[in-house]
């Protein structure tokens, strides 16, 4: 039988290497004003807040920048 060799599962990498592997750095932001505006418009003009309105509001308020 062969002896078990220790193989490390994780290797430490630098921030630059991490950005290279992940395709670059991206910043995720959430615009609370836009979210609340869309929820409010859905409540007033749609007669209530449905899951569809919440999904649309979330999609409009969440944006990324690389």
PDB file of N, CA and C in Angstrom:
ATOM      1  N   UNK A   1       0.828  -1.184   0.000  1.00  0.00           N
ATOM      2  CA  UNK A   1       0.000   0.000   0.000  1.00  0.00           C
ATOM      3  C   UNK A   1       0.870   1.243   0.000  1.00  0.00           C
ATOM      4  N   UNK A   2       0.383   2.221  -0.707  1.00  0.00           N
ATOM      5  CA  UNK A   2       1.111   3.487  -0.733  1.00  0.00           C
ATOM      6  C   UNK A   2       0.719   4.342   0.459  1.00  0.00           C
ATOM      7  N   UNK A   3       1.638   5.163   0.876  1.00  0.00           N
ATOM      8  CA  UNK A   3       1.355   6.092   1.970  1.00  0.00           C
ATOM      9  C   UNK A   3       0.463   7.215   1.457  1.00  0.00           C
ATOM     10  N   UNK A   4      -0.387   7.682   2.324  1.00  0.00           N
ATOM     11  CA  UNK A   4      -1.264   8.797   1.951  1.00  0.00           C
ATOM     12  C   UNK A   4      -0.454  10.081   1.847  1.00  0.00           C
ATOM     13  N   UNK A   5      -0.592  10.762   0.732  1.00  0.00           N
ATOM     14  CA  UNK A   5       0.064  12.057   0.564  1.00  0.00           C
ATOM     15  C   UNK A   5      -0.905  13.149   0.972  1.00  0.00           C
ATOM     16  N   UNK A   6      -0.395  14.133   1.676  1.00  0.00           N
ATOM     17  CA  UNK A   6      -1.249  15.249   2.057  1.00  0.00           C
ATOM     18  C   UNK A   6      -1.415  16.170   0.861  1.00  0.00           C
ATOM     19  N   UNK A   7      -2.642  16.367   0.466  1.00  0.00           N
ATOM     20  CA  UNK A   7      -2.956  17.270  -0.635  1.00  0.00           C
ATOM     21  C   UNK A   7      -3.817  18.385  -0.060  1.00  0.00           C
ATOM     22  N   UNK A   8      -3.346  19.595  -0.200  1.00  0.00           N
ATOM     23  CA  UNK A   8      -4.122  20.706   0.348  1.00  0.00           C
ATOM     24  C   UNK A   8      -5.280  21.042  -0.580  1.00  0.00           C
ATOM     25  N   UNK A   9      -6.442  21.221  -0.002  1.00  0.00           N
ATOM     26  CA  UNK A   9      -7.626  21.553  -0.786  1.00  0.00           C
ATOM     27  C   UNK A   9      -7.689  23.040  -1.109  1.00  0.00           C
ATOM     28  N   UNK A  10      -7.113  23.846  -0.260  1.00  0.00           N
ATOM     29  CA  UNK A  10      -7.174  25.292  -0.434  1.00  0.00           C
ATOM     30  C   UNK A  10      -5.770  25.863  -0.527  1.00  0.00           C
ATOM     31  N   UNK A  11      -5.622  26.827  -1.391  1.00  0.00           N
ATOM     32  CA  UNK A  11      -4.347  27.504  -1.553  1.00  0.00           C
ATOM     33  C   UNK A  11      -4.573  28.992  -1.371  1.00  0.00           C
ATOM     34  N   UNK A  12      -3.726  29.621  -0.591  1.00  0.00           N
ATOM     35  CA  UNK A  12      -3.869  31.063  -0.397  1.00  0.00           C
ATOM     36  C   UNK A  12      -3.477  31.787  -1.677  1.00  0.00           C
ATOM     37  N   UNK A  13      -4.302  32.771  -2.055  1.00  0.00           N
ATOM     38  CA  UNK A  13      -4.013  33.577  -3.236  1.00  0.00           C
ATOM     39  C   UNK A  13      -4.137  35.047  -2.866  1.00  0.00           C
ATOM     40  N   UNK A  14      -3.564  35.883  -3.688  1.00  0.00           N
ATOM     41  CA  UNK A  14      -3.613  37.320  -3.439  1.00  0.00           C
ATOM     42  C   UNK A  14      -4.910  37.905  -3.986  1.00  0.00           C
ATOM     43  N   UNK A  15      -5.155  39.161  -3.661  1.00  0.00           N
ATOM     44  CA  UNK A  15      -6.349  39.848  -4.147  1.00  0.00           C
ATOM     45  C   UNK A  15      -6.326  39.974  -5.659  1.00  0.00           C
ATOM     46  N   UNK A  16      -5.159  40.221  -6.221  1.00  0.00           N
ATOM     47  CA  UNK A  16      -5.040  40.355  -7.672  1.00  0.00           C
ATOM     48  C   UNK A  16      -5.366  39.040  -8.370  1.00  0.00           C
ATOM     49  N   UNK A  17      -4.879  37.938  -7.815  1.00  0.00           N
ATOM     50  CA  UNK A  17      -5.182  36.629  -8.391  1.00  0.00           C
ATOM     51  C   UNK A  17      -6.673  36.316  -8.289  1.00  0.00           C
ATOM     52  N   UNK A  18      -7.281  36.713  -7.199  1.00  0.00           N
ATOM     53  CA  UNK A  18      -8.715  36.493  -7.025  1.00  0.00           C
ATOM     54  C   UNK A  18      -9.519  37.277  -8.047  1.00  0.00           C
ATOM     55  N   UNK A  19      -9.144  38.519  -8.300  1.00  0.00           N
ATOM     56  CA  UNK A  19      -9.846  39.338  -9.289  1.00  0.00           C
ATOM     57  C   UNK A  19      -9.676  38.757 -10.684  1.00  0.00           C
ATOM     58  N   UNK A  20      -8.508  38.199 -10.959  1.00  0.00           N
ATOM     59  CA  UNK A  20      -8.255  37.606 -12.266  1.00  0.00           C
ATOM     60  C   UNK A  20      -9.119  36.365 -12.476  1.00  0.00           C
ATOM     61  N   UNK A  21      -9.243  35.550 -11.452  1.00  0.00           N
ATOM     62  CA  UNK A  21     -10.017  34.318 -11.555  1.00  0.00           C
ATOM     63  C   UNK A  21     -11.509  34.614 -11.664  1.00  0.00           C
ATOM     64  N   UNK A  22     -11.993  35.577 -10.883  1.00  0.00           N
ATOM     65  CA  UNK A  22     -13.432  35.848 -10.862  1.00  0.00           C
ATOM     66  C   UNK A  22     -13.867  36.763 -11.990  1.00  0.00           C
ATOM     67  N   UNK A  23     -12.974  37.201 -12.811  1.00  0.00           N
ATOM     68  CA  UNK A  23     -13.346  38.040 -13.945  1.00  0.00           C
ATOM     69  C   UNK A  23     -13.334  39.516 -13.623  1.00  0.00           C
ATOM     70  N   UNK A  24     -12.762  39.896 -12.542  1.00  0.00           N
ATOM     71  CA  UNK A  24     -12.702  41.302 -12.172  1.00  0.00           C
ATOM     72  C   UNK A  24     -13.549  41.580 -10.946  1.00  0.00           C
ATOM     73  N   UNK A  25     -13.379  42.767 -10.442  1.00  0.00           N
ATOM     74  CA  UNK A  25     -14.105  43.156  -9.243  1.00  0.00           C
ATOM     75  C   UNK A  25     -15.397  43.847  -9.639  1.00  0.00           C
ATOM     76  N   UNK A  26     -16.469  43.481  -9.026  1.00  0.00           N
ATOM     77  CA  UNK A  26     -17.762  44.106  -9.291  1.00  0.00           C
ATOM     78  C   UNK A  26     -18.327  44.650  -7.989  1.00  0.00           C
ATOM     79  N   UNK A  27     -18.917  45.820  -8.065  1.00  0.00           N
ATOM     80  CA  UNK A  27     -19.538  46.442  -6.905  1.00  0.00           C
ATOM     81  C   UNK A  27     -21.049  46.326  -7.072  1.00  0.00           C
ATOM     82  N   UNK A  28     -21.705  45.809  -6.064  1.00  0.00           N
ATOM     83  CA  UNK A  28     -23.156  45.651  -6.104  1.00  0.00           C
ATOM     84  C   UNK A  28     -23.769  46.723  -5.211  1.00  0.00           C
ATOM     85  N   UNK A  29     -24.702  47.470  -5.764  1.00  0.00           N
ATOM     86  CA  UNK A  29     -25.373  48.523  -5.015  1.00  0.00           C
ATOM     87  C   UNK A  29     -26.868  48.289  -5.011  1.00  0.00           C
ATOM     88  N   UNK A  30     -27.516  48.849  -4.018  1.00  0.00           N
ATOM     89  CA  UNK A  30     -28.968  48.758  -3.907  1.00  0.00           C
ATOM     90  C   UNK A  30     -29.503  50.157  -3.668  1.00  0.00           C
ATOM     91  N   UNK A  31     -30.373  50.621  -4.566  1.00  0.00           N
ATOM     92  CA  UNK A  31     -30.948  51.959  -4.472  1.00  0.00           C
ATOM     93  C   UNK A  31     -32.279  51.865  -3.731  1.00  0.00           C
ATOM     94  N   UNK A  32     -32.251  52.192  -2.447  1.00  0.00           N
ATOM     95  CA  UNK A  32     -33.446  52.075  -1.616  1.00  0.00           C
ATOM     96  C   UNK A  32     -34.546  53.026  -2.070  1.00  0.00           C
ATOM     97  N   UNK A  33     -34.187  54.223  -2.521  1.00  0.00           N
ATOM     98  CA  UNK A  33     -35.194  55.182  -2.992  1.00  0.00           C
ATOM     99  C   UNK A  33     -35.966  54.631  -4.182  1.00  0.00           C
ATOM    100  N   UNK A  34     -35.267  54.049  -5.127  1.00  0.00           N
ATOM    101  CA  UNK A  34     -35.920  53.468  -6.299  1.00  0.00           C
ATOM    102  C   UNK A  34     -36.818  52.299  -5.900  1.00  0.00           C
ATOM    103  N   UNK A  35     -36.344  51.486  -4.978  1.00  0.00           N
ATOM    104  CA  UNK A  35     -37.123  50.340  -4.509  1.00  0.00           C
ATOM    105  C   UNK A  35     -38.426  50.803  -3.859  1.00  0.00           C
ATOM    106  N   UNK A  36     -38.322  51.760  -2.942  1.00  0.00           N
ATOM    107  CA  UNK A  36     -39.513  52.238  -2.243  1.00  0.00           C
ATOM    108  C   UNK A  36     -40.461  52.973  -3.174  1.00  0.00           C
ATOM    109  N   UNK A  37     -39.929  53.690  -4.161  1.00  0.00           N
ATOM    110  CA  UNK A  37     -40.776  54.382  -5.131  1.00  0.00           C
ATOM    111  C   UNK A  37     -41.602  53.380  -5.932  1.00  0.00           C
ATOM    112  N   UNK A  38     -40.976  52.314  -6.389  1.00  0.00           N
ATOM    113  CA  UNK A  38     -41.688  51.305  -7.177  1.00  0.00           C
ATOM    114  C   UNK A  38     -42.719  50.568  -6.327  1.00  0.00           C
ATOM    115  N   UNK A  39     -42.375  50.266  -5.084  1.00  0.00           N
ATOM    116  CA  UNK A  39     -43.332  49.623  -4.178  1.00  0.00           C
ATOM    117  C   UNK A  39     -44.519  50.553  -3.930  1.00  0.00           C
ATOM    118  N   UNK A  40     -44.240  51.838  -3.710  1.00  0.00           N
ATOM    119  CA  UNK A  40     -45.309  52.811  -3.480  1.00  0.00           C
ATOM    120  C   UNK A  40     -46.210  52.971  -4.688  1.00  0.00           C
ATOM    121  N   UNK A  41     -45.621  53.022  -5.874  1.00  0.00           N
ATOM    122  CA  UNK A  41     -46.416  53.139  -7.098  1.00  0.00           C
ATOM    123  C   UNK A  41     -47.279  51.901  -7.289  1.00  0.00           C
ATOM    124  N   UNK A  42     -46.741  50.745  -6.967  1.00  0.00           N
ATOM    125  CA  UNK A  42     -47.526  49.519  -7.074  1.00  0.00           C
ATOM    126  C   UNK A  42     -48.678  49.500  -6.088  1.00  0.00           C
ATOM    127  N   UNK A  43     -48.445  50.038  -4.897  1.00  0.00           N
ATOM    128  CA  UNK A  43     -49.503  50.064  -3.886  1.00  0.00           C
ATOM    129  C   UNK A  43     -50.610  51.038  -4.263  1.00  0.00           C
ATOM    130  N   UNK A  44     -50.238  52.181  -4.841  1.00  0.00           N
ATOM    131  CA  UNK A  44     -51.234  53.208  -5.168  1.00  0.00           C
ATOM    132  C   UNK A  44     -51.963  52.890  -6.466  1.00  0.00           C
ATOM    133  N   UNK A  45     -51.221  52.605  -7.526  1.00  0.00           N
ATOM    134  CA  UNK A  45     -51.829  52.468  -8.847  1.00  0.00           C
ATOM    135  C   UNK A  45     -52.275  51.046  -9.178  1.00  0.00           C
ATOM    136  N   UNK A  46     -51.756  50.061  -8.461  1.00  0.00           N
ATOM    137  CA  UNK A  46     -52.091  48.675  -8.764  1.00  0.00           C
ATOM    138  C   UNK A  46     -53.109  48.111  -7.774  1.00  0.00           C
ATOM    139  N   UNK A  47     -53.447  48.878  -6.763  1.00  0.00           N
ATOM    140  CA  UNK A  47     -54.412  48.408  -5.780  1.00  0.00           C
ATOM    141  C   UNK A  47     -53.825  47.474  -4.740  1.00  0.00           C
ATOM    142  N   UNK A  48     -52.539  47.375  -4.675  1.00  0.00           N
ATOM    143  CA  UNK A  48     -51.875  46.513  -3.699  1.00  0.00           C
ATOM    144  C   UNK A  48     -50.513  46.094  -4.206  1.00  0.00           C
ATOM    145  N   UNK A  49     -49.733  45.558  -3.314  1.00  0.00           N
ATOM    146  CA  UNK A  49     -48.378  45.139  -3.664  1.00  0.00           C
ATOM    147  C   UNK A  49     -48.383  43.627  -3.868  1.00  0.00           C
ATOM    148  N   UNK A  50     -48.145  43.220  -5.092  1.00  0.00           N
ATOM    149  CA  UNK A  50     -48.085  41.797  -5.416  1.00  0.00           C
ATOM    150  C   UNK A  50     -46.626  41.346  -5.460  1.00  0.00           C
ATOM    151  N   UNK A  51     -46.416  40.057  -5.562  1.00  0.00           N
ATOM    152  CA  UNK A  51     -45.042  39.550  -5.665  1.00  0.00           C
ATOM    153  C   UNK A  51     -44.383  40.026  -6.951  1.00  0.00           C
ATOM    154  N   UNK A  52     -45.172  40.221  -7.994  1.00  0.00           N
ATOM    155  CA  UNK A  52     -44.624  40.722  -9.250  1.00  0.00           C
ATOM    156  C   UNK A  52     -44.079  42.140  -9.078  1.00  0.00           C
ATOM    157  N   UNK A  53     -44.806  42.981  -8.344  1.00  0.00           N
ATOM    158  CA  UNK A  53     -44.353  44.351  -8.092  1.00  0.00           C
ATOM    159  C   UNK A  53     -43.073  44.340  -7.266  1.00  0.00           C
ATOM    160  N   UNK A  54     -43.000  43.471  -6.276  1.00  0.00           N
ATOM    161  CA  UNK A  54     -41.797  43.375  -5.446  1.00  0.00           C
ATOM    162  C   UNK A  54     -40.608  42.926  -6.288  1.00  0.00           C
ATOM    163  N   UNK A  55     -40.797  41.964  -7.173  1.00  0.00           N
ATOM    164  CA  UNK A  55     -39.713  41.497  -8.040  1.00  0.00           C
ATOM    165  C   UNK A  55     -39.246  42.591  -8.989  1.00  0.00           C
ATOM    166  N   UNK A  56     -40.176  43.341  -9.555  1.00  0.00           N
ATOM    167  CA  UNK A  56     -39.803  44.446 -10.444  1.00  0.00           C
ATOM    168  C   UNK A  56     -39.039  45.509  -9.671  1.00  0.00           C
ATOM    169  N   UNK A  57     -39.510  45.846  -8.481  1.00  0.00           N
ATOM    170  CA  UNK A  57     -38.844  46.858  -7.658  1.00  0.00           C
ATOM    171  C   UNK A  57     -37.434  46.424  -7.298  1.00  0.00           C
ATOM    172  N   UNK A  58     -37.272  45.162  -6.938  1.00  0.00           N
ATOM    173  CA  UNK A  58     -35.948  44.664  -6.577  1.00  0.00           C
ATOM    174  C   UNK A  58     -35.010  44.696  -7.780  1.00  0.00           C
ATOM    175  N   UNK A  59     -35.533  44.308  -8.946  1.00  0.00           N
ATOM    176  CA  UNK A  59     -34.716  44.320 -10.160  1.00  0.00           C
ATOM    177  C   UNK A  59     -34.274  45.714 -10.558  1.00  0.00           C
ATOM    178  N   UNK A  60     -35.120  46.710 -10.331  1.00  0.00           N
ATOM    179  CA  UNK A  60     -34.760  48.088 -10.671  1.00  0.00           C
ATOM    180  C   UNK A  60     -33.808  48.708  -9.663  1.00  0.00           C
ATOM    181  N   UNK A  61     -33.885  48.265  -8.414  1.00  0.00           N
ATOM    182  CA  UNK A  61     -33.072  48.872  -7.366  1.00  0.00           C
ATOM    183  C   UNK A  61     -31.681  48.261  -7.259  1.00  0.00           C
ATOM    184  N   UNK A  62     -31.505  47.047  -7.726  1.00  0.00           N
ATOM    185  CA  UNK A  62     -30.224  46.351  -7.621  1.00  0.00           C
ATOM    186  C   UNK A  62     -29.434  46.546  -8.902  1.00  0.00           C
ATOM    187  N   UNK A  63     -28.221  47.054  -8.787  1.00  0.00           N
ATOM    188  CA  UNK A  63     -27.387  47.223  -9.972  1.00  0.00           C
ATOM    189  C   UNK A  63     -25.929  46.969  -9.620  1.00  0.00           C
ATOM    190  N   UNK A  64     -25.181  46.551 -10.612  1.00  0.00           N
ATOM    191  CA  UNK A  64     -23.762  46.259 -10.421  1.00  0.00           C
ATOM    192  C   UNK A  64     -22.925  47.191 -11.268  1.00  0.00           C
ATOM    193  N   UNK A  65     -21.714  47.391 -10.809  1.00  0.00           N
ATOM    194  CA  UNK A  65     -20.755  48.221 -11.533  1.00  0.00           C
ATOM    195  C   UNK A  65     -19.403  47.544 -11.402  1.00  0.00           C
ATOM    196  N   UNK A  66     -18.713  47.379 -12.506  1.00  0.00           N
ATOM    197  CA  UNK A  66     -17.405  46.712 -12.434  1.00  0.00           C
ATOM    198  C   UNK A  66     -16.281  47.693 -12.640  1.00  0.00           C
TER     199      UNK A  66
END
